[in-house]
């Protein structure tokens, strides 16, 4: 499940980044937690869509930078997988500047 989560987050970062964009993966640990962040300098997400991204009741599917389409279910499934491991996903984004998706999991 963790591999699926990371693969989806990295794939999304690629999908929403411009050509020659930068994607960074940062990992930090503490005594009892691990934090994995996937950071891109892509198109970003509007504030009204951030709240909808992880919700099963809201449908959000934004075309990628090469007009790729998706179902919007990848992040919802990632959120379910993370929750099954006792963790959370947080999203920070500035529209037009990029996004950071961070997975917080117990060790």
PDB file of N, CA and C in Angstrom:
ATOM      1  N   UNK A   1       0.823  -1.199   0.000  1.00  0.00           N
ATOM      2  CA  UNK A   1       0.000   0.000   0.000  1.00  0.00           C
ATOM      3  C   UNK A   1       0.866   1.261   0.000  1.00  0.00           C
ATOM      4  N   UNK A   2       1.949   1.235   0.753  1.00  0.00           N
ATOM      5  CA  UNK A   2       2.821   2.410   0.826  1.00  0.00           C
ATOM      6  C   UNK A   2       3.442   2.691  -0.547  1.00  0.00           C
ATOM      7  N   UNK A   3       3.844   1.643  -1.248  1.00  0.00           N
ATOM      8  CA  UNK A   3       4.384   1.820  -2.606  1.00  0.00           C
ATOM      9  C   UNK A   3       3.352   2.453  -3.528  1.00  0.00           C
ATOM     10  N   UNK A   4       2.114   2.016  -3.425  1.00  0.00           N
ATOM     11  CA  UNK A   4       1.038   2.567  -4.249  1.00  0.00           C
ATOM     12  C   UNK A   4       0.824   4.043  -3.940  1.00  0.00           C
ATOM     13  N   UNK A   5       0.853   4.397  -2.671  1.00  0.00           N
ATOM     14  CA  UNK A   5       0.685   5.792  -2.260  1.00  0.00           C
ATOM     15  C   UNK A   5       1.782   6.656  -2.874  1.00  0.00           C
ATOM     16  N   UNK A   6       3.025   6.244  -2.700  1.00  0.00           N
ATOM     17  CA  UNK A   6       4.152   7.029  -3.208  1.00  0.00           C
ATOM     18  C   UNK A   6       4.133   7.107  -4.726  1.00  0.00           C
ATOM     19  N   UNK A   7       3.825   5.999  -5.379  1.00  0.00           N
ATOM     20  CA  UNK A   7       3.760   5.993  -6.847  1.00  0.00           C
ATOM     21  C   UNK A   7       2.707   6.977  -7.334  1.00  0.00           C
ATOM     22  N   UNK A   8       1.549   7.003  -6.688  1.00  0.00           N
ATOM     23  CA  UNK A   8       0.488   7.917  -7.096  1.00  0.00           C
ATOM     24  C   UNK A   8       0.897   9.371  -6.882  1.00  0.00           C
ATOM     25  N   UNK A   9       1.505   9.670  -5.743  1.00  0.00           N
ATOM     26  CA  UNK A   9       1.899  11.051  -5.466  1.00  0.00           C
ATOM     27  C   UNK A   9       2.978  11.537  -6.434  1.00  0.00           C
ATOM     28  N   UNK A  10       3.940  10.682  -6.738  1.00  0.00           N
ATOM     29  CA  UNK A  10       4.996  11.069  -7.686  1.00  0.00           C
ATOM     30  C   UNK A  10       4.419  11.200  -9.096  1.00  0.00           C
ATOM     31  N   UNK A  11       3.555  10.274  -9.490  1.00  0.00           N
ATOM     32  CA  UNK A  11       2.927  10.351 -10.806  1.00  0.00           C
ATOM     33  C   UNK A  11       2.117  11.636 -10.947  1.00  0.00           C
ATOM     34  N   UNK A  12       1.381  11.993  -9.908  1.00  0.00           N
ATOM     35  CA  UNK A  12       0.619  13.245  -9.945  1.00  0.00           C
ATOM     36  C   UNK A  12       1.541  14.457 -10.038  1.00  0.00           C
ATOM     37  N   UNK A  13       2.650  14.429  -9.308  1.00  0.00           N
ATOM     38  CA  UNK A  13       3.605  15.544  -9.370  1.00  0.00           C
ATOM     39  C   UNK A  13       4.131  15.707 -10.792  1.00  0.00           C
ATOM     40  N   UNK A  14       4.424  14.604 -11.448  1.00  0.00           N
ATOM     41  CA  UNK A  14       4.890  14.658 -12.837  1.00  0.00           C
ATOM     42  C   UNK A  14       3.778  15.190 -13.740  1.00  0.00           C
ATOM     43  N   UNK A  15       2.586  14.678 -13.547  1.00  0.00           N
ATOM     44  CA  UNK A  15       1.437  15.041 -14.381  1.00  0.00           C
ATOM     45  C   UNK A  15       1.133  16.540 -14.324  1.00  0.00           C
ATOM     46  N   UNK A  16       1.333  17.153 -13.159  1.00  0.00           N
ATOM     47  CA  UNK A  16       0.965  18.554 -12.985  1.00  0.00           C
ATOM     48  C   UNK A  16       2.164  19.504 -12.980  1.00  0.00           C
ATOM     49  N   UNK A  17       3.321  19.009 -13.388  1.00  0.00           N
ATOM     50  CA  UNK A  17       4.504  19.856 -13.514  1.00  0.00           C
ATOM     51  C   UNK A  17       4.731  20.212 -14.967  1.00  0.00           C
ATOM     52  N   UNK A  18       5.308  21.374 -15.187  1.00  0.00           N
ATOM     53  CA  UNK A  18       5.662  21.799 -16.535  1.00  0.00           C
ATOM     54  C   UNK A  18       6.925  21.076 -16.968  1.00  0.00           C
ATOM     55  N   UNK A  19       7.212  21.083 -18.262  1.00  0.00           N
ATOM     56  CA  UNK A  19       8.450  20.475 -18.744  1.00  0.00           C
ATOM     57  C   UNK A  19       9.620  21.126 -18.020  1.00  0.00           C
ATOM     58  N   UNK A  20      10.621  20.304 -17.689  1.00  0.00           N
ATOM     59  CA  UNK A  20      11.797  20.739 -16.930  1.00  0.00           C
ATOM     60  C   UNK A  20      11.450  21.189 -15.514  1.00  0.00           C
ATOM     61  N   UNK A  21      10.288  20.762 -15.012  1.00  0.00           N
ATOM     62  CA  UNK A  21       9.911  21.068 -13.641  1.00  0.00           C
ATOM     63  C   UNK A  21      10.764  20.293 -12.656  1.00  0.00           C
ATOM     64  N   UNK A  22      10.658  20.672 -11.399  1.00  0.00           N
ATOM     65  CA  UNK A  22      11.436  20.024 -10.342  1.00  0.00           C
ATOM     66  C   UNK A  22      10.483  19.321  -9.380  1.00  0.00           C
ATOM     67  N   UNK A  23      10.786  18.059  -9.099  1.00  0.00           N
ATOM     68  CA  UNK A  23      10.027  17.286  -8.121  1.00  0.00           C
ATOM     69  C   UNK A  23      11.010  16.806  -7.064  1.00  0.00           C
ATOM     70  N   UNK A  24      10.674  17.056  -5.821  1.00  0.00           N
ATOM     71  CA  UNK A  24      11.541  16.699  -4.710  1.00  0.00           C
ATOM     72  C   UNK A  24      10.783  15.766  -3.774  1.00  0.00           C
ATOM     73  N   UNK A  25      11.483  14.757  -3.282  1.00  0.00           N
ATOM     74  CA  UNK A  25      10.914  13.871  -2.267  1.00  0.00           C
ATOM     75  C   UNK A  25      11.756  14.047  -1.007  1.00  0.00           C
ATOM     76  N   UNK A  26      11.093  14.426   0.077  1.00  0.00           N
ATOM     77  CA  UNK A  26      11.780  14.617   1.357  1.00  0.00           C
ATOM     78  C   UNK A  26      11.224  13.627   2.373  1.00  0.00           C
ATOM     79  N   UNK A  27      12.118  13.037   3.143  1.00  0.00           N
ATOM     80  CA  UNK A  27      11.716  12.100   4.192  1.00  0.00           C
ATOM     81  C   UNK A  27      12.335  12.566   5.499  1.00  0.00           C
ATOM     82  N   UNK A  28      11.508  12.687   6.521  1.00  0.00           N
ATOM     83  CA  UNK A  28      12.001  13.002   7.861  1.00  0.00           C
ATOM     84  C   UNK A  28      11.395  12.003   8.834  1.00  0.00           C
ATOM     85  N   UNK A  29      12.146  11.706   9.864  1.00  0.00           N
ATOM     86  CA  UNK A  29      11.655  10.772  10.882  1.00  0.00           C
ATOM     87  C   UNK A  29      11.821  11.378  12.265  1.00  0.00           C
ATOM     88  N   UNK A  30      10.988  10.919  13.142  1.00  0.00           N
ATOM     89  CA  UNK A  30      11.137  11.213  14.564  1.00  0.00           C
ATOM     90  C   UNK A  30      11.127   9.870  15.278  1.00  0.00           C
ATOM     91  N   UNK A  31      11.023   9.884  16.563  1.00  0.00           N
ATOM     92  CA  UNK A  31      11.047   8.643  17.333  1.00  0.00           C
ATOM     93  C   UNK A  31       9.929   7.691  16.914  1.00  0.00           C
ATOM     94  N   UNK A  32       8.754   8.244  16.639  1.00  0.00           N
ATOM     95  CA  UNK A  32       7.606   7.373  16.371  1.00  0.00           C
ATOM     96  C   UNK A  32       6.873   7.648  15.060  1.00  0.00           C
ATOM     97  N   UNK A  33       7.379   8.590  14.249  1.00  0.00           N
ATOM     98  CA  UNK A  33       6.676   8.951  13.013  1.00  0.00           C
ATOM     99  C   UNK A  33       7.649   9.113  11.854  1.00  0.00           C
ATOM    100  N   UNK A  34       7.113   8.911  10.646  1.00  0.00           N
ATOM    101  CA  UNK A  34       7.846   9.207   9.426  1.00  0.00           C
ATOM    102  C   UNK A  34       6.976  10.152   8.601  1.00  0.00           C
ATOM    103  N   UNK A  35       7.630  11.097   7.967  1.00  0.00           N
ATOM    104  CA  UNK A  35       6.934  12.076   7.140  1.00  0.00           C
ATOM    105  C   UNK A  35       7.581  12.051   5.756  1.00  0.00           C
ATOM    106  N   UNK A  36       6.764  11.793   4.733  1.00  0.00           N
ATOM    107  CA  UNK A  36       7.252  11.737   3.358  1.00  0.00           C
ATOM    108  C   UNK A  36       6.524  12.818   2.570  1.00  0.00           C
ATOM    109  N   UNK A  37       7.290  13.758   1.997  1.00  0.00           N
ATOM    110  CA  UNK A  37       6.706  14.853   1.228  1.00  0.00           C
ATOM    111  C   UNK A  37       7.115  14.745  -0.231  1.00  0.00           C
ATOM    112  N   UNK A  38       6.136  14.909  -1.107  1.00  0.00           N
ATOM    113  CA  UNK A  38       6.379  14.997  -2.544  1.00  0.00           C
ATOM    114  C   UNK A  38       6.057  16.433  -2.933  1.00  0.00           C
ATOM    115  N   UNK A  39       7.092  17.145  -3.394  1.00  0.00           N
ATOM    116  CA  UNK A  39       6.999  18.579  -3.648  1.00  0.00           C
ATOM    117  C   UNK A  39       7.244  18.828  -5.129  1.00  0.00           C
ATOM    118  N   UNK A  40       6.365  19.622  -5.740  1.00  0.00           N
ATOM    119  CA  UNK A  40       6.584  19.978  -7.143  1.00  0.00           C
ATOM    120  C   UNK A  40       6.438  21.487  -7.321  1.00  0.00           C
ATOM    121  N   UNK A  41       6.976  21.985  -8.423  1.00  0.00           N
ATOM    122  CA  UNK A  41       6.826  23.399  -8.748  1.00  0.00           C
ATOM    123  C   UNK A  41       5.912  23.545  -9.965  1.00  0.00           C
ATOM    124  N   UNK A  42       4.865  22.733  -9.972  1.00  0.00           N
ATOM    125  CA  UNK A  42       3.922  22.679 -11.085  1.00  0.00           C
ATOM    126  C   UNK A  42       2.854  23.747 -11.023  1.00  0.00           C
ATOM    127  N   UNK A  43       1.681  23.395 -11.538  1.00  0.00           N
ATOM    128  CA  UNK A  43       0.607  24.370 -11.709  1.00  0.00           C
ATOM    129  C   UNK A  43      -0.136  24.699 -10.416  1.00  0.00           C
ATOM    130  N   UNK A  44       0.047  23.892  -9.391  1.00  0.00           N
ATOM    131  CA  UNK A  44      -0.625  24.147  -8.122  1.00  0.00           C
ATOM    132  C   UNK A  44      -2.110  23.823  -8.170  1.00  0.00           C
ATOM    133  N   UNK A  45      -2.746  24.022  -7.030  1.00  0.00           N
ATOM    134  CA  UNK A  45      -4.164  23.693  -6.874  1.00  0.00           C
ATOM    135  C   UNK A  45      -4.854  24.879  -6.239  1.00  0.00           C
ATOM    136  N   UNK A  46      -6.009  25.238  -6.755  1.00  0.00           N
ATOM    137  CA  UNK A  46      -6.760  26.349  -6.169  1.00  0.00           C
ATOM    138  C   UNK A  46      -7.226  25.979  -4.762  1.00  0.00           C
ATOM    139  N   UNK A  47      -7.382  26.972  -3.921  1.00  0.00           N
ATOM    140  CA  UNK A  47      -7.758  26.718  -2.529  1.00  0.00           C
ATOM    141  C   UNK A  47      -9.107  26.010  -2.424  1.00  0.00           C
ATOM    142  N   UNK A  48     -10.040  26.304  -3.319  1.00  0.00           N
ATOM    143  CA  UNK A  48     -11.347  25.635  -3.242  1.00  0.00           C
ATOM    144  C   UNK A  48     -11.259  24.163  -3.617  1.00  0.00           C
ATOM    145  N   UNK A  49     -10.285  23.785  -4.420  1.00  0.00           N
ATOM    146  CA  UNK A  49     -10.133  22.374  -4.787  1.00  0.00           C
ATOM    147  C   UNK A  49      -9.313  21.570  -3.782  1.00  0.00           C
ATOM    148  N   UNK A  50      -8.456  22.212  -3.007  1.00  0.00           N
ATOM    149  CA  UNK A  50      -7.649  21.490  -2.017  1.00  0.00           C
ATOM    150  C   UNK A  50      -8.538  20.726  -1.052  1.00  0.00           C
ATOM    151  N   UNK A  51      -9.579  21.369  -0.559  1.00  0.00           N
ATOM    152  CA  UNK A  51     -10.462  20.722   0.413  1.00  0.00           C
ATOM    153  C   UNK A  51     -11.232  19.547  -0.191  1.00  0.00           C
ATOM    154  N   UNK A  52     -11.413  19.538  -1.499  1.00  0.00           N
ATOM    155  CA  UNK A  52     -12.181  18.493  -2.167  1.00  0.00           C
ATOM    156  C   UNK A  52     -11.324  17.287  -2.568  1.00  0.00           C
ATOM    157  N   UNK A  53     -10.009  17.461  -2.646  1.00  0.00           N
ATOM    158  CA  UNK A  53      -9.135  16.422  -3.202  1.00  0.00           C
ATOM    159  C   UNK A  53      -9.244  15.066  -2.513  1.00  0.00           C
ATOM    160  N   UNK A  54      -9.349  15.064  -1.199  1.00  0.00           N
ATOM    161  CA  UNK A  54      -9.329  13.817  -0.444  1.00  0.00           C
ATOM    162  C   UNK A  54     -10.719  13.356  -0.023  1.00  0.00           C
ATOM    163  N   UNK A  55     -11.742  14.025  -0.528  1.00  0.00           N
ATOM    164  CA  UNK A  55     -13.116  13.715  -0.144  1.00  0.00           C
ATOM    165  C   UNK A  55     -13.785  12.791  -1.159  1.00  0.00           C
ATOM    166  N   UNK A  56     -14.400  11.754  -0.666  1.00  0.00           N
ATOM    167  CA  UNK A  56     -15.113  10.810  -1.535  1.00  0.00           C
ATOM    168  C   UNK A  56     -16.407  11.424  -2.061  1.00  0.00           C
ATOM    169  N   UNK A  57     -16.938  12.427  -1.379  1.00  0.00           N
ATOM    170  CA  UNK A  57     -18.208  13.026  -1.786  1.00  0.00           C
ATOM    171  C   UNK A  57     -18.051  14.135  -2.817  1.00  0.00           C
ATOM    172  N   UNK A  58     -16.829  14.595  -3.040  1.00  0.00           N
ATOM    173  CA  UNK A  58     -16.570  15.657  -4.014  1.00  0.00           C
ATOM    174  C   UNK A  58     -15.767  15.084  -5.178  1.00  0.00           C
ATOM    175  N   UNK A  59     -16.106  15.458  -6.391  1.00  0.00           N
ATOM    176  CA  UNK A  59     -15.356  14.989  -7.563  1.00  0.00           C
ATOM    177  C   UNK A  59     -14.481  16.125  -8.074  1.00  0.00           C
ATOM    178  N   UNK A  60     -13.181  15.855  -8.090  1.00  0.00           N
ATOM    179  CA  UNK A  60     -12.226  16.825  -8.624  1.00  0.00           C
ATOM    180  C   UNK A  60     -11.293  16.086  -9.572  1.00  0.00           C
ATOM    181  N   UNK A  61     -11.279  16.501 -10.810  1.00  0.00           N
ATOM    182  CA  UNK A  61     -10.352  15.952 -11.792  1.00  0.00           C
ATOM    183  C   UNK A  61      -9.862  17.112 -12.641  1.00  0.00           C
ATOM    184  N   UNK A  62      -8.610  17.457 -12.458  1.00  0.00           N
ATOM    185  CA  UNK A  62      -8.014  18.591 -13.145  1.00  0.00           C
ATOM    186  C   UNK A  62      -7.083  18.050 -14.224  1.00  0.00           C
ATOM    187  N   UNK A  63      -7.233  18.501 -15.472  1.00  0.00           N
ATOM    188  CA  UNK A  63      -6.330  18.018 -16.521  1.00  0.00           C
ATOM    189  C   UNK A  63      -4.875  18.378 -16.206  1.00  0.00           C
ATOM    190  N   UNK A  64      -3.949  17.481 -16.581  1.00  0.00           N
ATOM    191  CA  UNK A  64      -2.530  17.718 -16.371  1.00  0.00           C
ATOM    192  C   UNK A  64      -1.984  18.739 -17.353  1.00  0.00           C
ATOM    193  N   UNK A  65      -0.704  19.025 -17.243  1.00  0.00           N
ATOM    194  CA  UNK A  65      -0.076  20.042 -18.078  1.00  0.00           C
ATOM    195  C   UNK A  65      -0.012  19.638 -19.550  1.00  0.00           C
ATOM    196  N   UNK A  66      -0.113  18.356 -19.838  1.00  0.00           N
ATOM    197  CA  UNK A  66      -0.166  17.863 -21.221  1.00  0.00           C
ATOM    198  C   UNK A  66      -1.586  17.398 -21.556  1.00  0.00           C
ATOM    199  N   UNK A  67      -2.562  17.968 -20.830  1.00  0.00           N
ATOM    200  CA  UNK A  67      -3.984  17.670 -20.994  1.00  0.00           C
ATOM    201  C   UNK A  67      -4.336  16.220 -20.661  1.00  0.00           C
ATOM    202  N   UNK A  68      -3.536  15.572 -19.779  1.00  0.00           N
ATOM    203  CA  UNK A  68      -3.855  14.220 -19.326  1.00  0.00           C
ATOM    204  C   UNK A  68      -5.110  14.284 -18.455  1.00  0.00           C
ATOM    205  N   UNK A  69      -5.882  13.232 -18.538  1.00  0.00           N
ATOM    206  CA  UNK A  69      -7.107  13.164 -17.737  1.00  0.00           C
ATOM    207  C   UNK A  69      -6.998  12.044 -16.716  1.00  0.00           C
ATOM    208  N   UNK A  70      -7.706  12.194 -15.625  1.00  0.00           N
ATOM    209  CA  UNK A  70      -7.754  11.172 -14.588  1.00  0.00           C
ATOM    210  C   UNK A  70      -9.156  11.092 -14.030  1.00  0.00           C
ATOM    211  N   UNK A  71      -9.331  10.189 -13.089  1.00  0.00           N
ATOM    212  CA  UNK A  71     -10.656  10.007 -12.492  1.00  0.00           C
ATOM    213  C   UNK A  71     -10.820  10.801 -11.200  1.00  0.00           C
ATOM    214  N   UNK A  72      -9.709  11.231 -10.611  1.00  0.00           N
ATOM    215  CA  UNK A  72      -9.774  11.893  -9.326  1.00  0.00           C
ATOM    216  C   UNK A  72      -9.829  10.919  -8.164  1.00  0.00           C
ATOM    217  N   UNK A  73      -9.750   9.619  -8.441  1.00  0.00           N
ATOM    218  CA  UNK A  73      -9.852   8.612  -7.386  1.00  0.00           C
ATOM    219  C   UNK A  73      -8.507   8.248  -6.766  1.00  0.00           C
ATOM    220  N   UNK A  74      -7.403   8.534  -7.426  1.00  0.00           N
ATOM    221  CA  UNK A  74      -6.087   8.150  -6.926  1.00  0.00           C
ATOM    222  C   UNK A  74      -5.791   8.707  -5.543  1.00  0.00           C
ATOM    223  N   UNK A  75      -6.030   9.989  -5.349  1.00  0.00           N
ATOM    224  CA  UNK A  75      -5.755  10.595  -4.046  1.00  0.00           C
ATOM    225  C   UNK A  75      -6.725  10.105  -2.971  1.00  0.00           C
ATOM    226  N   UNK A  76      -7.947   9.828  -3.376  1.00  0.00           N
ATOM    227  CA  UNK A  76      -8.923   9.311  -2.411  1.00  0.00           C
ATOM    228  C   UNK A  76      -8.478   7.933  -1.923  1.00  0.00           C
ATOM    229  N   UNK A  77      -8.021   7.086  -2.852  1.00  0.00           N
ATOM    230  CA  UNK A  77      -7.519   5.770  -2.457  1.00  0.00           C
ATOM    231  C   UNK A  77      -6.257   5.894  -1.608  1.00  0.00           C
ATOM    232  N   UNK A  78      -5.372   6.808  -1.976  1.00  0.00           N
ATOM    233  CA  UNK A  78      -4.162   7.036  -1.174  1.00  0.00           C
ATOM    234  C   UNK A  78      -4.539   7.430   0.247  1.00  0.00           C
ATOM    235  N   UNK A  79      -5.506   8.311   0.363  1.00  0.00           N
ATOM    236  CA  UNK A  79      -5.944   8.749   1.691  1.00  0.00           C
ATOM    237  C   UNK A  79      -6.485   7.572   2.497  1.00  0.00           C
ATOM    238  N   UNK A  80      -7.262   6.699   1.855  1.00  0.00           N
ATOM    239  CA  UNK A  80      -7.782   5.500   2.526  1.00  0.00           C
ATOM    240  C   UNK A  80      -6.643   4.591   2.989  1.00  0.00           C
ATOM    241  N   UNK A  81      -5.666   4.374   2.122  1.00  0.00           N
ATOM    242  CA  UNK A  81      -4.523   3.524   2.466  1.00  0.00           C
ATOM    243  C   UNK A  81      -3.733   4.106   3.634  1.00  0.00           C
ATOM    244  N   UNK A  82      -3.503   5.416   3.591  1.00  0.00           N
ATOM    245  CA  UNK A  82      -2.755   6.073   4.672  1.00  0.00           C
ATOM    246  C   UNK A  82      -3.516   5.940   5.991  1.00  0.00           C
ATOM    247  N   UNK A  83      -4.820   6.158   5.951  1.00  0.00           N
ATOM    248  CA  UNK A  83      -5.630   6.044   7.168  1.00  0.00           C
ATOM    249  C   UNK A  83      -5.603   4.621   7.719  1.00  0.00           C
ATOM    250  N   UNK A  84      -5.578   3.621   6.861  1.00  0.00           N
ATOM    251  CA  UNK A  84      -5.500   2.222   7.313  1.00  0.00           C
ATOM    252  C   UNK A  84      -4.183   1.939   8.033  1.00  0.00           C
ATOM    253  N   UNK A  85      -3.169   2.740   7.745  1.00  0.00           N
ATOM    254  CA  UNK A  85      -1.881   2.610   8.425  1.00  0.00           C
ATOM    255  C   UNK A  85      -1.766   3.563   9.618  1.00  0.00           C
ATOM    256  N   UNK A  86      -2.879   4.210   9.993  1.00  0.00           N
ATOM    257  CA  UNK A  86      -2.885   5.104  11.148  1.00  0.00           C
ATOM    258  C   UNK A  86      -2.279   6.466  10.881  1.00  0.00           C
ATOM    259  N   UNK A  87      -2.257   6.877   9.618  1.00  0.00           N
ATOM    260  CA  UNK A  87      -1.628   8.145   9.266  1.00  0.00           C
ATOM    261  C   UNK A  87      -2.588   9.144   8.653  1.00  0.00           C
ATOM    262  N   UNK A  88      -2.004  10.229   8.144  1.00  0.00           N
ATOM    263  CA  UNK A  88      -2.770  11.293   7.497  1.00  0.00           C
ATOM    264  C   UNK A  88      -1.999  11.805   6.282  1.00  0.00           C
ATOM    265  N   UNK A  89      -2.716  12.463   5.386  1.00  0.00           N
ATOM    266  CA  UNK A  89      -2.117  13.180   4.261  1.00  0.00           C
ATOM    267  C   UNK A  89      -2.484  14.643   4.406  1.00  0.00           C
ATOM    268  N   UNK A  90      -1.497  15.514   4.226  1.00  0.00           N
ATOM    269  CA  UNK A  90      -1.771  16.944   4.193  1.00  0.00           C
ATOM    270  C   UNK A  90      -1.370  17.483   2.823  1.00  0.00           C
ATOM    271  N   UNK A  91      -2.045  18.551   2.423  1.00  0.00           N
ATOM    272  CA  UNK A  91      -1.799  19.172   1.129  1.00  0.00           C
ATOM    273  C   UNK A  91      -1.582  20.661   1.328  1.00  0.00           C
ATOM    274  N   UNK A  92      -0.494  21.159   0.756  1.00  0.00           N
ATOM    275  CA  UNK A  92      -0.241  22.599   0.716  1.00  0.00           C
ATOM    276  C   UNK A  92      -0.006  22.949  -0.739  1.00  0.00           C
ATOM    277  N   UNK A  93      -0.608  24.027  -1.201  1.00  0.00           N
ATOM    278  CA  UNK A  93      -0.430  24.400  -2.596  1.00  0.00           C
ATOM    279  C   UNK A  93      -0.665  25.888  -2.780  1.00  0.00           C
ATOM    280  N   UNK A  94       0.061  26.423  -3.730  1.00  0.00           N
ATOM    281  CA  UNK A  94      -0.159  27.788  -4.182  1.00  0.00           C
ATOM    282  C   UNK A  94      -0.430  27.698  -5.674  1.00  0.00           C
ATOM    283  N   UNK A  95      -1.604  28.161  -6.066  1.00  0.00           N
ATOM    284  CA  UNK A  95      -1.996  28.069  -7.464  1.00  0.00           C
ATOM    285  C   UNK A  95      -0.972  28.788  -8.335  1.00  0.00           C
ATOM    286  N   UNK A  96      -0.466  28.079  -9.329  1.00  0.00           N
ATOM    287  CA  UNK A  96       0.537  28.628 -10.232  1.00  0.00           C
ATOM    288  C   UNK A  96       1.968  28.461  -9.757  1.00  0.00           C
ATOM    289  N   UNK A  97       2.165  27.943  -8.541  1.00  0.00           N
ATOM    290  CA  UNK A  97       3.518  27.818  -7.975  1.00  0.00           C
ATOM    291  C   UNK A  97       3.912  26.383  -7.652  1.00  0.00           C
ATOM    292  N   UNK A  98       2.950  25.517  -7.329  1.00  0.00           N
ATOM    293  CA  UNK A  98       3.286  24.141  -7.008  1.00  0.00           C
ATOM    294  C   UNK A  98       2.549  23.624  -5.791  1.00  0.00           C
ATOM    295  N   UNK A  99       2.827  22.362  -5.474  1.00  0.00           N
ATOM    296  CA  UNK A  99       2.112  21.677  -4.396  1.00  0.00           C
ATOM    297  C   UNK A  99       3.057  20.798  -3.589  1.00  0.00           C
ATOM    298  N   UNK A 100       2.668  20.583  -2.339  1.00  0.00           N
ATOM    299  CA  UNK A 100       3.354  19.644  -1.465  1.00  0.00           C
ATOM    300  C   UNK A 100       2.319  18.710  -0.859  1.00  0.00           C
ATOM    301  N   UNK A 101       2.492  17.420  -1.117  1.00  0.00           N
ATOM    302  CA  UNK A 101       1.652  16.394  -0.510  1.00  0.00           C
ATOM    303  C   UNK A 101       2.522  15.670   0.498  1.00  0.00           C
ATOM    304  N   UNK A 102       2.072  15.647   1.755  1.00  0.00           N
ATOM    305  CA  UNK A 102       2.867  15.027   2.814  1.00  0.00           C
ATOM    306  C   UNK A 102       2.078  13.900   3.471  1.00  0.00           C
ATOM    307  N   UNK A 103       2.723  12.747   3.542  1.00  0.00           N
ATOM    308  CA  UNK A 103       2.153  11.580   4.202  1.00  0.00           C
ATOM    309  C   UNK A 103       2.805  11.467   5.572  1.00  0.00           C
ATOM    310  N   UNK A 104       1.998  11.401   6.614  1.00  0.00           N
ATOM    311  CA  UNK A 104       2.460  11.262   7.988  1.00  0.00           C
ATOM    312  C   UNK A 104       2.044   9.871   8.463  1.00  0.00           C
ATOM    313  N   UNK A 105       3.031   9.039   8.846  1.00  0.00           N
ATOM    314  CA  UNK A 105       2.724   7.666   9.259  1.00  0.00           C
ATOM    315  C   UNK A 105       3.459   7.321  10.560  1.00  0.00           C
ATOM    316  N   UNK A 106       2.818   6.499  11.389  1.00  0.00           N
ATOM    317  CA  UNK A 106       3.545   5.984  12.547  1.00  0.00           C
ATOM    318  C   UNK A 106       4.582   4.978  12.081  1.00  0.00           C
ATOM    319  N   UNK A 107       5.700   4.914  12.809  1.00  0.00           N
ATOM    320  CA  UNK A 107       6.753   3.947  12.456  1.00  0.00           C
ATOM    321  C   UNK A 107       6.398   2.592  13.025  1.00  0.00           C
TER     322      UNK A 107
END
